[in-house]
Every structure is written in C-alpha cells, then in structure tokens.
N, C-alpha and C. Protein backbone atom coordinates (compact mmCIF):
# COMPACT_ATOMS: atom_id res chain seq x y z
N MET A 1 -114.95 74.21 -59.76
CA MET A 1 -116.25 74.04 -60.30
C MET A 1 -116.91 72.73 -59.61
N ASP A 2 -118.18 72.88 -59.40
CA ASP A 2 -118.89 71.78 -58.79
C ASP A 2 -119.33 70.80 -59.92
N ILE A 3 -119.39 69.57 -59.59
CA ILE A 3 -119.89 68.49 -60.60
C ILE A 3 -121.11 67.90 -59.80
N ILE A 4 -122.30 67.94 -60.51
CA ILE A 4 -123.47 67.44 -59.90
C ILE A 4 -124.04 66.41 -60.94
N ARG A 5 -124.41 65.23 -60.57
CA ARG A 5 -125.16 64.16 -61.42
C ARG A 5 -126.52 64.53 -61.51
N TRP A 6 -127.00 64.38 -62.87
CA TRP A 6 -128.36 64.67 -63.14
C TRP A 6 -129.45 64.08 -62.10
N ASP A 7 -129.21 62.77 -61.78
CA ASP A 7 -130.22 62.18 -60.96
C ASP A 7 -130.15 62.80 -59.59
N ASP A 8 -129.11 63.32 -59.06
CA ASP A 8 -128.99 63.93 -57.79
C ASP A 8 -129.71 65.37 -57.99
N LEU A 9 -129.52 65.98 -58.99
CA LEU A 9 -129.99 67.24 -59.20
C LEU A 9 -131.60 67.33 -59.18
N ILE A 10 -132.15 66.36 -59.91
CA ILE A 10 -133.60 66.45 -60.00
C ILE A 10 -134.25 65.83 -58.73
N LYS A 11 -133.55 65.26 -57.97
CA LYS A 11 -134.11 64.69 -56.61
C LYS A 11 -134.12 65.73 -55.64
N ASN A 12 -133.22 66.75 -55.73
CA ASN A 12 -133.07 67.81 -54.62
C ASN A 12 -133.97 69.02 -54.90
N LYS A 13 -134.08 69.78 -53.90
CA LYS A 13 -134.83 71.03 -54.19
C LYS A 13 -134.12 72.01 -55.20
N ALA A 14 -135.03 72.75 -55.86
CA ALA A 14 -134.52 73.68 -56.86
C ALA A 14 -133.66 74.72 -56.21
N TRP A 15 -132.55 75.16 -57.00
CA TRP A 15 -131.66 76.11 -56.61
C TRP A 15 -132.42 77.38 -56.21
N LYS A 16 -131.86 78.14 -55.25
CA LYS A 16 -132.36 79.58 -55.13
C LYS A 16 -131.64 80.47 -56.14
N GLU A 17 -130.36 80.24 -56.33
CA GLU A 17 -129.61 81.10 -57.15
C GLU A 17 -130.03 80.92 -58.55
N GLU A 18 -130.26 82.04 -59.43
CA GLU A 18 -130.55 81.99 -60.70
C GLU A 18 -129.41 81.41 -61.59
N SER A 19 -129.59 80.75 -62.69
CA SER A 19 -128.46 80.21 -63.45
C SER A 19 -128.59 80.59 -64.92
N ALA A 20 -127.54 80.46 -65.71
CA ALA A 20 -127.31 80.48 -67.05
C ALA A 20 -126.76 79.15 -67.55
N VAL A 21 -127.61 78.49 -68.49
CA VAL A 21 -127.18 77.11 -68.86
C VAL A 21 -126.80 76.99 -70.28
N THR A 22 -125.92 76.12 -70.54
CA THR A 22 -125.65 75.58 -71.89
C THR A 22 -125.62 74.06 -71.80
N ILE A 23 -126.06 73.53 -73.03
CA ILE A 23 -126.23 72.06 -72.93
C ILE A 23 -125.53 71.41 -74.27
N GLY A 24 -124.93 70.25 -74.05
CA GLY A 24 -124.33 69.76 -75.21
C GLY A 24 -123.48 68.48 -74.74
N VAL A 25 -122.96 67.80 -75.72
CA VAL A 25 -122.03 66.74 -75.55
C VAL A 25 -120.71 67.28 -75.20
N PHE A 26 -120.43 68.46 -75.98
CA PHE A 26 -119.01 69.14 -75.75
C PHE A 26 -117.79 68.26 -75.86
N ASP A 27 -117.93 67.27 -77.03
CA ASP A 27 -116.71 66.49 -77.29
C ASP A 27 -115.70 67.37 -77.99
N GLY A 28 -114.57 67.44 -77.23
CA GLY A 28 -113.41 68.21 -77.67
C GLY A 28 -113.32 69.61 -77.03
N VAL A 29 -114.48 70.16 -76.57
CA VAL A 29 -114.66 71.45 -76.02
C VAL A 29 -113.85 72.33 -77.05
N HIS A 30 -114.43 72.38 -78.28
CA HIS A 30 -113.74 73.17 -79.33
C HIS A 30 -114.28 74.71 -79.31
N ARG A 31 -113.84 75.31 -80.37
CA ARG A 31 -114.12 76.84 -80.42
C ARG A 31 -115.70 77.16 -80.43
N GLY A 32 -116.34 76.35 -81.15
CA GLY A 32 -117.90 76.53 -81.12
C GLY A 32 -118.44 76.38 -79.75
N HIS A 33 -118.01 75.36 -78.97
CA HIS A 33 -118.43 75.09 -77.65
C HIS A 33 -118.14 76.21 -76.71
N ARG A 34 -116.89 76.81 -76.88
CA ARG A 34 -116.36 77.94 -76.04
C ARG A 34 -117.26 79.23 -76.35
N ALA A 35 -117.59 79.21 -77.53
CA ALA A 35 -118.62 80.49 -77.85
C ALA A 35 -119.94 80.36 -76.93
N LEU A 36 -120.41 79.25 -76.65
CA LEU A 36 -121.63 78.91 -75.97
C LEU A 36 -121.22 79.38 -74.41
N MET A 37 -120.16 78.79 -74.00
CA MET A 37 -119.71 78.91 -72.59
C MET A 37 -119.30 80.32 -72.27
N GLU A 38 -118.82 81.07 -73.23
CA GLU A 38 -118.54 82.59 -72.85
C GLU A 38 -119.75 83.25 -72.58
N LEU A 39 -120.83 82.96 -73.37
CA LEU A 39 -122.06 83.72 -73.08
C LEU A 39 -122.63 83.44 -71.62
N VAL A 40 -122.64 82.05 -71.27
CA VAL A 40 -123.17 81.90 -69.92
C VAL A 40 -122.22 82.25 -68.81
N THR A 41 -120.92 82.31 -68.93
CA THR A 41 -120.02 82.75 -67.99
C THR A 41 -120.00 84.20 -67.85
N SER A 42 -120.26 84.96 -68.86
CA SER A 42 -120.27 86.40 -68.84
C SER A 42 -121.68 87.05 -68.37
N SER A 43 -122.64 86.14 -68.18
CA SER A 43 -123.90 86.52 -67.72
C SER A 43 -123.97 86.78 -66.14
N PRO A 44 -124.91 87.44 -65.57
CA PRO A 44 -124.88 87.66 -64.07
C PRO A 44 -125.31 86.50 -63.43
N TYR A 45 -125.57 85.34 -63.87
CA TYR A 45 -126.12 84.22 -63.16
C TYR A 45 -125.02 83.22 -63.05
N LYS A 46 -125.30 82.25 -62.17
CA LYS A 46 -124.49 81.09 -62.00
C LYS A 46 -124.34 80.35 -63.34
N SER A 47 -123.16 80.03 -63.74
CA SER A 47 -122.92 79.42 -65.10
C SER A 47 -122.85 77.91 -65.02
N VAL A 48 -123.61 77.25 -65.85
CA VAL A 48 -123.80 75.79 -65.84
C VAL A 48 -123.70 75.21 -67.20
N ALA A 49 -122.97 74.25 -67.34
CA ALA A 49 -122.89 73.42 -68.54
C ALA A 49 -123.47 72.09 -68.13
N VAL A 50 -124.55 71.54 -68.99
CA VAL A 50 -125.04 70.32 -68.85
C VAL A 50 -124.43 69.42 -69.90
N SER A 51 -123.80 68.19 -69.61
CA SER A 51 -123.20 67.41 -70.54
C SER A 51 -123.43 65.97 -70.05
N PHE A 52 -122.63 65.05 -70.64
CA PHE A 52 -122.72 63.67 -70.55
C PHE A 52 -121.64 63.04 -70.10
N SER A 53 -121.70 61.92 -69.16
CA SER A 53 -120.44 61.19 -68.77
C SER A 53 -120.12 60.29 -69.91
N VAL A 54 -120.95 59.76 -70.77
CA VAL A 54 -120.69 59.14 -71.98
C VAL A 54 -121.54 59.58 -73.05
N SER A 55 -120.97 59.88 -74.14
CA SER A 55 -121.71 60.35 -75.32
C SER A 55 -122.92 59.54 -75.70
N PRO A 56 -124.03 60.22 -76.03
CA PRO A 56 -125.25 59.55 -76.45
C PRO A 56 -124.95 58.74 -77.69
N ARG A 57 -123.92 59.28 -78.60
CA ARG A 57 -123.69 58.50 -79.77
C ARG A 57 -123.16 57.13 -79.52
N GLN A 58 -122.27 57.08 -78.38
CA GLN A 58 -121.71 55.70 -78.06
C GLN A 58 -122.79 54.88 -77.60
N PHE A 59 -123.96 55.36 -76.97
CA PHE A 59 -124.98 54.62 -76.46
C PHE A 59 -125.85 54.07 -77.69
N PHE A 60 -126.03 54.91 -78.65
CA PHE A 60 -126.91 54.59 -79.79
C PHE A 60 -126.09 53.72 -80.94
N HIS A 61 -124.85 53.97 -80.99
CA HIS A 61 -124.02 53.46 -82.10
C HIS A 61 -122.82 52.76 -81.55
N LYS A 62 -122.87 51.85 -80.63
CA LYS A 62 -121.69 51.05 -79.97
C LYS A 62 -120.66 50.67 -81.09
N ASP A 63 -121.28 50.07 -82.08
CA ASP A 63 -120.42 49.28 -83.03
C ASP A 63 -119.62 50.20 -84.00
N SER A 64 -120.08 51.50 -84.28
CA SER A 64 -119.57 52.34 -85.21
C SER A 64 -118.97 53.66 -84.56
N TYR A 65 -119.19 53.75 -83.29
CA TYR A 65 -118.67 55.10 -82.64
C TYR A 65 -117.24 55.02 -82.60
N SER A 66 -116.65 56.05 -83.05
CA SER A 66 -115.15 56.15 -83.21
C SER A 66 -114.37 56.66 -81.92
N GLY A 67 -115.26 57.03 -80.89
CA GLY A 67 -114.63 57.43 -79.60
C GLY A 67 -114.77 58.95 -79.49
N ASP A 68 -114.42 59.39 -78.27
CA ASP A 68 -114.43 60.66 -77.86
C ASP A 68 -113.03 61.37 -78.18
N ILE A 69 -113.09 62.64 -78.56
CA ILE A 69 -111.94 63.38 -78.77
C ILE A 69 -111.16 63.60 -77.63
N ILE A 70 -111.73 63.82 -76.57
CA ILE A 70 -110.92 63.90 -75.19
C ILE A 70 -111.65 63.28 -74.09
N SER A 71 -111.04 62.96 -72.99
CA SER A 71 -111.52 62.12 -71.92
C SER A 71 -112.54 63.00 -71.11
N LEU A 72 -113.41 62.44 -70.38
CA LEU A 72 -114.32 63.17 -69.52
C LEU A 72 -113.47 64.04 -68.54
N GLU A 73 -112.44 63.47 -68.02
CA GLU A 73 -111.65 64.32 -67.17
C GLU A 73 -111.11 65.47 -67.74
N ARG A 74 -110.62 65.40 -69.03
CA ARG A 74 -110.10 66.58 -69.59
C ARG A 74 -111.19 67.54 -69.98
N LYS A 75 -112.38 67.03 -70.35
CA LYS A 75 -113.58 67.86 -70.53
C LYS A 75 -113.84 68.70 -69.26
N LEU A 76 -113.98 68.15 -68.23
CA LEU A 76 -114.13 68.91 -67.04
C LEU A 76 -113.03 69.90 -66.66
N GLU A 77 -111.92 69.55 -66.80
CA GLU A 77 -110.89 70.55 -66.68
C GLU A 77 -110.94 71.72 -67.65
N LEU A 78 -111.33 71.51 -68.79
CA LEU A 78 -111.54 72.64 -69.78
C LEU A 78 -112.83 73.39 -69.39
N PHE A 79 -113.78 72.87 -68.90
CA PHE A 79 -114.98 73.55 -68.28
C PHE A 79 -114.64 74.54 -67.22
N ALA A 80 -113.72 74.01 -66.29
CA ALA A 80 -113.23 74.74 -65.07
C ALA A 80 -112.49 75.93 -65.70
N GLU A 81 -111.60 75.58 -66.62
CA GLU A 81 -110.71 76.66 -67.11
C GLU A 81 -111.52 77.66 -67.84
N ALA A 82 -112.66 77.43 -68.45
CA ALA A 82 -113.49 78.34 -69.06
C ALA A 82 -114.29 79.20 -68.09
N GLY A 83 -114.17 78.83 -66.85
CA GLY A 83 -114.97 79.60 -65.75
C GLY A 83 -116.24 79.18 -65.41
N LEU A 84 -116.75 77.97 -65.78
CA LEU A 84 -118.05 77.56 -65.38
C LEU A 84 -118.16 77.24 -63.88
N ASP A 85 -119.27 77.45 -63.32
CA ASP A 85 -119.45 77.24 -61.96
C ASP A 85 -119.88 75.91 -61.64
N VAL A 86 -120.56 75.17 -62.52
CA VAL A 86 -121.18 73.92 -62.28
C VAL A 86 -121.23 73.23 -63.64
N CYS A 87 -121.04 71.74 -63.46
CA CYS A 87 -121.25 70.92 -64.68
C CYS A 87 -122.34 69.96 -64.02
N VAL A 88 -123.30 69.85 -64.77
CA VAL A 88 -124.27 68.80 -64.54
C VAL A 88 -124.06 67.58 -65.38
N LEU A 89 -123.68 66.51 -64.88
CA LEU A 89 -123.44 65.31 -65.77
C LEU A 89 -124.50 64.38 -65.83
N ILE A 90 -124.91 64.01 -67.00
CA ILE A 90 -126.05 63.02 -67.30
C ILE A 90 -125.28 61.71 -67.56
N ASP A 91 -125.65 60.58 -66.87
CA ASP A 91 -125.28 59.26 -67.24
C ASP A 91 -126.35 58.73 -68.17
N PHE A 92 -126.10 58.83 -69.53
CA PHE A 92 -127.13 58.51 -70.54
C PHE A 92 -127.54 57.06 -70.41
N SER A 93 -128.78 56.84 -70.54
CA SER A 93 -129.28 55.42 -70.31
C SER A 93 -130.58 55.37 -71.29
N ASP A 94 -131.05 54.08 -71.29
CA ASP A 94 -132.24 53.78 -72.06
C ASP A 94 -133.43 54.64 -71.55
N ASP A 95 -133.63 54.60 -70.22
CA ASP A 95 -134.63 55.45 -69.74
C ASP A 95 -134.51 56.91 -70.07
N PHE A 96 -133.23 57.50 -69.96
CA PHE A 96 -133.09 58.90 -70.25
C PHE A 96 -133.33 59.14 -71.73
N SER A 97 -133.03 58.11 -72.56
CA SER A 97 -133.21 58.43 -74.01
C SER A 97 -134.71 58.56 -74.33
N LYS A 98 -135.63 58.16 -73.48
CA LYS A 98 -137.08 58.31 -73.88
C LYS A 98 -137.61 59.47 -73.33
N ILE A 99 -136.92 60.49 -72.70
CA ILE A 99 -137.60 61.63 -72.26
C ILE A 99 -137.60 62.62 -73.38
N THR A 100 -138.73 63.31 -73.51
CA THR A 100 -138.88 64.21 -74.65
C THR A 100 -138.00 65.45 -74.32
N GLY A 101 -137.56 66.14 -75.28
CA GLY A 101 -136.60 67.39 -75.09
C GLY A 101 -137.42 68.31 -74.17
N ARG A 102 -138.69 68.54 -74.59
CA ARG A 102 -139.34 69.52 -73.79
C ARG A 102 -139.51 69.25 -72.30
N ALA A 103 -139.60 67.87 -72.16
CA ALA A 103 -139.71 67.50 -70.55
C ALA A 103 -138.36 67.69 -69.93
N PHE A 104 -137.26 67.24 -70.65
CA PHE A 104 -135.91 67.51 -70.14
C PHE A 104 -135.62 69.08 -69.90
N ILE A 105 -135.93 69.85 -70.77
CA ILE A 105 -135.68 71.27 -70.54
C ILE A 105 -136.50 71.78 -69.42
N GLU A 106 -137.76 71.33 -69.31
CA GLU A 106 -138.57 71.84 -68.22
C GLU A 106 -138.11 71.42 -66.79
N ARG A 107 -137.65 70.16 -66.71
CA ARG A 107 -137.11 69.62 -65.52
C ARG A 107 -135.87 70.38 -65.05
N LEU A 108 -135.01 70.64 -66.13
CA LEU A 108 -133.82 71.34 -65.85
C LEU A 108 -133.93 72.83 -65.47
N ALA A 109 -134.82 73.44 -66.18
CA ALA A 109 -135.18 74.80 -65.84
C ALA A 109 -135.51 74.97 -64.40
N ARG A 110 -136.51 74.18 -63.97
CA ARG A 110 -136.97 74.14 -62.54
C ARG A 110 -135.87 73.83 -61.59
N ALA A 111 -135.08 72.81 -61.82
CA ALA A 111 -134.02 72.36 -60.84
C ALA A 111 -132.91 73.32 -60.65
N VAL A 112 -132.64 74.11 -61.84
CA VAL A 112 -131.47 75.00 -61.69
C VAL A 112 -131.89 76.60 -61.64
N ASN A 113 -133.18 76.75 -61.51
CA ASN A 113 -133.70 78.13 -61.56
C ASN A 113 -133.12 78.83 -62.72
N MET A 114 -133.31 78.34 -63.88
CA MET A 114 -132.77 78.73 -65.14
C MET A 114 -133.37 80.22 -65.49
N ARG A 115 -132.44 81.03 -65.85
CA ARG A 115 -132.93 82.39 -66.21
C ARG A 115 -132.46 82.73 -67.77
N TYR A 116 -131.51 81.88 -68.14
CA TYR A 116 -130.86 82.24 -69.52
C TYR A 116 -130.39 80.73 -69.96
N ILE A 117 -130.64 80.48 -71.30
CA ILE A 117 -130.19 79.24 -71.82
C ILE A 117 -129.53 79.47 -73.32
N VAL A 118 -128.45 78.84 -73.38
CA VAL A 118 -127.64 79.07 -74.58
C VAL A 118 -127.40 77.72 -75.33
N VAL A 119 -127.76 77.67 -76.60
CA VAL A 119 -127.50 76.48 -77.31
C VAL A 119 -127.11 76.85 -78.78
N GLY A 120 -126.41 75.88 -79.42
CA GLY A 120 -125.98 76.15 -80.76
C GLY A 120 -127.14 75.98 -81.75
N ALA A 121 -126.98 76.67 -82.87
CA ALA A 121 -128.21 76.67 -83.80
C ALA A 121 -128.44 75.18 -84.37
N ASP A 122 -127.48 74.32 -84.29
CA ASP A 122 -127.88 72.86 -84.58
C ASP A 122 -128.10 72.02 -83.44
N PHE A 123 -128.48 72.53 -82.43
CA PHE A 123 -128.81 71.86 -81.17
C PHE A 123 -130.03 70.92 -81.38
N HIS A 124 -129.98 69.69 -80.89
CA HIS A 124 -131.11 68.87 -80.69
C HIS A 124 -131.10 68.02 -79.53
N CYS A 125 -132.22 67.87 -78.94
CA CYS A 125 -132.13 66.90 -77.73
C CYS A 125 -133.51 66.20 -77.68
N GLY A 126 -133.67 65.21 -76.73
CA GLY A 126 -134.89 64.57 -76.55
C GLY A 126 -135.10 63.25 -77.30
N TYR A 127 -136.23 62.61 -76.92
CA TYR A 127 -136.58 61.34 -77.66
C TYR A 127 -136.54 61.56 -79.19
N ARG A 128 -135.85 60.82 -79.86
CA ARG A 128 -135.69 60.97 -81.29
C ARG A 128 -135.38 62.38 -81.78
N ASN A 129 -134.55 63.10 -80.99
CA ASN A 129 -134.13 64.54 -81.33
C ASN A 129 -135.37 65.41 -81.52
N ASP A 130 -136.43 65.23 -80.82
CA ASP A 130 -137.81 65.87 -80.97
C ASP A 130 -137.59 67.42 -80.81
N THR A 131 -136.59 68.01 -80.11
CA THR A 131 -136.55 69.27 -79.74
C THR A 131 -135.37 69.96 -80.24
N ASP A 132 -135.54 71.06 -81.06
CA ASP A 132 -134.35 71.76 -81.75
C ASP A 132 -134.09 73.10 -81.08
N ALA A 133 -133.28 73.97 -81.58
CA ALA A 133 -132.96 75.22 -81.06
C ALA A 133 -134.15 76.09 -81.06
N ALA A 134 -135.00 75.95 -82.23
CA ALA A 134 -136.25 76.88 -82.30
C ALA A 134 -137.23 76.49 -81.22
N ALA A 135 -137.22 75.35 -80.86
CA ALA A 135 -138.24 74.81 -79.93
C ALA A 135 -137.65 75.36 -78.46
N ILE A 136 -136.42 75.28 -78.28
CA ILE A 136 -135.79 75.91 -76.99
C ILE A 136 -136.14 77.39 -76.94
N ARG A 137 -136.13 78.12 -77.96
CA ARG A 137 -136.44 79.50 -77.98
C ARG A 137 -137.88 79.68 -77.64
N ARG A 138 -138.71 78.87 -78.20
CA ARG A 138 -140.19 78.95 -77.78
C ARG A 138 -140.46 78.69 -76.42
N PHE A 139 -139.89 77.62 -75.91
CA PHE A 139 -139.97 77.24 -74.40
C PHE A 139 -139.49 78.44 -73.63
N ALA A 140 -138.42 78.86 -74.05
CA ALA A 140 -137.77 80.05 -73.11
C ALA A 140 -138.74 81.33 -73.03
N GLU A 141 -139.21 81.52 -74.34
CA GLU A 141 -140.09 82.81 -74.35
C GLU A 141 -141.35 82.51 -73.47
N GLU A 142 -142.00 81.31 -73.61
CA GLU A 142 -143.09 80.99 -72.76
C GLU A 142 -142.85 80.96 -71.30
N SER A 143 -141.66 80.76 -70.94
CA SER A 143 -141.30 80.66 -69.50
C SER A 143 -140.60 81.81 -68.98
N GLY A 144 -140.45 82.88 -69.70
CA GLY A 144 -139.83 84.09 -69.11
C GLY A 144 -138.37 83.94 -69.01
N ILE A 145 -137.75 83.05 -69.85
CA ILE A 145 -136.45 82.90 -69.84
C ILE A 145 -135.67 83.33 -71.06
N SER A 146 -134.47 83.99 -70.86
CA SER A 146 -133.76 84.58 -72.08
C SER A 146 -133.09 83.41 -72.75
N ALA A 147 -133.12 83.44 -74.01
CA ALA A 147 -132.47 82.38 -74.92
C ALA A 147 -131.42 82.94 -75.82
N GLY A 148 -130.33 82.32 -76.00
CA GLY A 148 -129.36 82.65 -76.96
C GLY A 148 -129.02 81.45 -77.82
N ILE A 149 -129.25 81.64 -79.22
CA ILE A 149 -129.04 80.63 -80.19
C ILE A 149 -127.82 81.12 -80.99
N VAL A 150 -126.68 80.30 -80.82
CA VAL A 150 -125.44 80.77 -81.29
C VAL A 150 -125.10 80.09 -82.76
N PRO A 151 -124.95 80.93 -83.76
CA PRO A 151 -124.62 80.33 -85.01
C PRO A 151 -123.37 79.66 -84.94
N PRO A 152 -123.07 78.67 -85.94
CA PRO A 152 -121.78 77.91 -86.02
C PRO A 152 -120.61 78.89 -86.02
N VAL A 153 -119.60 78.57 -85.35
CA VAL A 153 -118.35 79.24 -85.56
C VAL A 153 -117.66 78.65 -86.70
N MET A 154 -117.24 79.35 -87.70
CA MET A 154 -116.79 78.99 -88.96
C MET A 154 -115.21 79.21 -89.06
N GLU A 155 -114.66 78.21 -89.76
CA GLU A 155 -113.21 78.23 -90.16
C GLU A 155 -113.10 77.59 -91.64
N GLY A 156 -112.51 78.24 -92.57
CA GLY A 156 -112.25 77.92 -93.82
C GLY A 156 -113.60 77.63 -94.56
N GLY A 157 -114.60 78.38 -94.33
CA GLY A 157 -115.90 78.37 -94.92
C GLY A 157 -116.80 77.16 -94.40
N LEU A 158 -116.35 76.46 -93.43
CA LEU A 158 -117.02 75.21 -92.87
C LEU A 158 -117.22 75.49 -91.37
N PRO A 159 -118.31 74.99 -90.78
CA PRO A 159 -118.45 75.03 -89.34
C PRO A 159 -117.40 74.21 -88.48
N VAL A 160 -117.01 74.81 -87.50
CA VAL A 160 -116.15 74.00 -86.57
C VAL A 160 -117.10 72.95 -85.81
N SER A 161 -116.72 71.76 -85.80
CA SER A 161 -117.58 70.63 -85.34
C SER A 161 -116.67 69.54 -84.85
N SER A 162 -117.24 68.76 -83.89
CA SER A 162 -116.48 67.60 -83.50
C SER A 162 -116.32 66.68 -84.50
N SER A 163 -117.23 66.42 -85.33
CA SER A 163 -116.97 65.35 -86.51
C SER A 163 -115.86 65.91 -87.40
N ARG A 164 -115.86 67.17 -87.81
CA ARG A 164 -114.85 67.77 -88.44
C ARG A 164 -113.51 67.54 -87.82
N ILE A 165 -113.36 67.66 -86.54
CA ILE A 165 -112.10 67.48 -85.78
C ILE A 165 -111.72 66.04 -85.84
N ARG A 166 -112.65 65.13 -85.67
CA ARG A 166 -112.38 63.71 -85.68
C ARG A 166 -111.86 63.41 -87.18
N HIS A 167 -112.47 63.92 -88.19
CA HIS A 167 -111.99 63.70 -89.56
C HIS A 167 -110.55 64.02 -89.63
N ALA A 168 -110.22 65.23 -89.15
CA ALA A 168 -108.86 65.92 -89.36
C ALA A 168 -107.87 65.06 -88.54
N LEU A 169 -108.18 64.58 -87.46
CA LEU A 169 -107.28 63.72 -86.56
C LEU A 169 -106.98 62.39 -87.38
N ALA A 170 -108.16 61.81 -87.93
CA ALA A 170 -108.03 60.52 -88.59
C ALA A 170 -107.19 60.68 -89.86
N SER A 171 -107.20 61.83 -90.48
CA SER A 171 -106.33 61.96 -91.77
C SER A 171 -105.09 62.63 -91.49
N GLY A 172 -104.65 62.82 -90.21
CA GLY A 172 -103.29 63.36 -89.97
C GLY A 172 -103.24 64.77 -89.99
N GLU A 173 -104.34 65.56 -90.24
CA GLU A 173 -104.24 67.01 -90.23
C GLU A 173 -104.29 67.63 -88.87
N TYR A 174 -103.21 67.52 -88.21
CA TYR A 174 -103.20 67.85 -86.60
C TYR A 174 -103.28 69.42 -86.56
N GLN A 175 -102.58 70.15 -87.58
CA GLN A 175 -102.77 71.56 -87.37
C GLN A 175 -104.24 72.11 -87.49
N LEU A 176 -104.86 71.47 -88.49
CA LEU A 176 -106.37 71.81 -88.59
C LEU A 176 -107.22 71.49 -87.38
N ALA A 177 -106.96 70.23 -86.85
CA ALA A 177 -107.61 69.85 -85.54
C ALA A 177 -107.33 70.76 -84.43
N ALA A 178 -106.09 71.09 -84.26
CA ALA A 178 -105.68 72.05 -83.20
C ALA A 178 -106.26 73.31 -83.41
N SER A 179 -106.39 73.95 -84.53
CA SER A 179 -107.08 75.24 -84.87
C SER A 179 -108.47 75.13 -84.59
N LEU A 180 -109.23 74.12 -84.87
CA LEU A 180 -110.54 73.89 -84.68
C LEU A 180 -110.89 73.74 -83.17
N LEU A 181 -109.96 73.17 -82.48
CA LEU A 181 -110.08 73.05 -81.00
C LEU A 181 -109.72 74.41 -80.34
N GLY A 182 -108.85 75.24 -81.08
CA GLY A 182 -108.54 76.37 -80.40
C GLY A 182 -107.35 76.12 -79.41
N ARG A 183 -106.69 75.19 -79.55
CA ARG A 183 -105.43 74.78 -78.64
C ARG A 183 -104.29 74.25 -79.60
N GLY A 184 -103.09 74.38 -78.99
CA GLY A 184 -101.96 74.05 -79.77
C GLY A 184 -101.91 72.53 -80.12
N VAL A 185 -100.99 72.16 -81.02
CA VAL A 185 -100.88 70.85 -81.50
C VAL A 185 -100.53 69.99 -80.40
N ASP A 186 -99.61 70.55 -79.42
CA ASP A 186 -99.17 69.66 -78.34
C ASP A 186 -100.22 69.31 -77.27
N SER A 187 -101.42 69.92 -77.51
CA SER A 187 -102.50 69.51 -76.60
C SER A 187 -103.35 68.32 -77.17
N LEU A 188 -102.93 67.90 -78.28
CA LEU A 188 -103.79 66.84 -79.01
C LEU A 188 -103.50 65.52 -78.32
C-alpha cells in the first residue's frame, strides 16, 4: 500500500487512474470502517482511504481527548490487510480545519480522479462539520461520481463506533470491544 501525504497529493498532477475513495478518522479500524473499505476495494478502481495522522478530535479537544484506540502504524497495517491500494494521510492543522467540506471533497476528487466515494451515514467533514453524507451524495451526483452511503453496522441493537469501543475498553468489557473491532481479544 502506498502512503501519500495530503500536501504532496494536492501539489502534484491529478492521477490518471480512476479511484474509489473512503474518508474517515478510522480509529480502531472497526467493523463499520471495514464495511466502507470493502466497497472501495471491491470496485474496479484504485482503492483509497483518506485519513489523519492525528485525530481531529485530539486537535480540537486536547485536554479531554482520551487517545486513539490503535496507533497510526497499526491503522496503516490494517488498511494494507484490507487490500487498500493507497492511504492519503492528512496532517490536521489550524489551516486545514478552516477548509469547507465541499472544497475539501472537490480538491480530493480532482487530485485522485475520484469515480466512487463511500462514507458512513453519520459522516461529517469540513469547517464546523459543514458537510454531511447527504451533501457528499449531492456533490457526487453533480460531478458524475458514484456515491455509497453506508448505514451503521449494528451489534446488540447499537451502532459499532469508536466511542462505543473506547467505553467498552474503559469499563473492562474486552470481549465486547474485540467483537466491535472484529478482531480477537488478543489483538487489543
């Protein structure tokens, strides 16, 4: 799997090869995240995950951020194991935080020759989270790009989420955390 930094990506010429893209923090690379990745890796296009070297939550909530579920290195290993071709890593910054979601998606679409985008139903991005999954779908339709909006993966009547995994780990519910992650307890 190739790893490309966002700043390098947008400085270079657009890719000729068409891509399928998923975007997220991907903390834990849990079962919900893997549902997104399966769609992009099963497409006929180059599969791309766009993520962050440091969580935006850490940037905005330094004092209260409880930490990542897994390291960046482990996240990249799991991306490679999922069969992704490329990971675009964003070094989240004050400047980056001021980009509207629409501007971010437009830049990304041009840079990677995006033909397919997949996000979760609860996806938000951009300045003050100004862009949600519905806005992504509208952008895709306007741009001739296919869009997949994936509903939450559920377990026990609740969505699989990074915050739910964090809570399970904090309360010693390791079997639940492992199940939500889709990996064995020994991987925690």
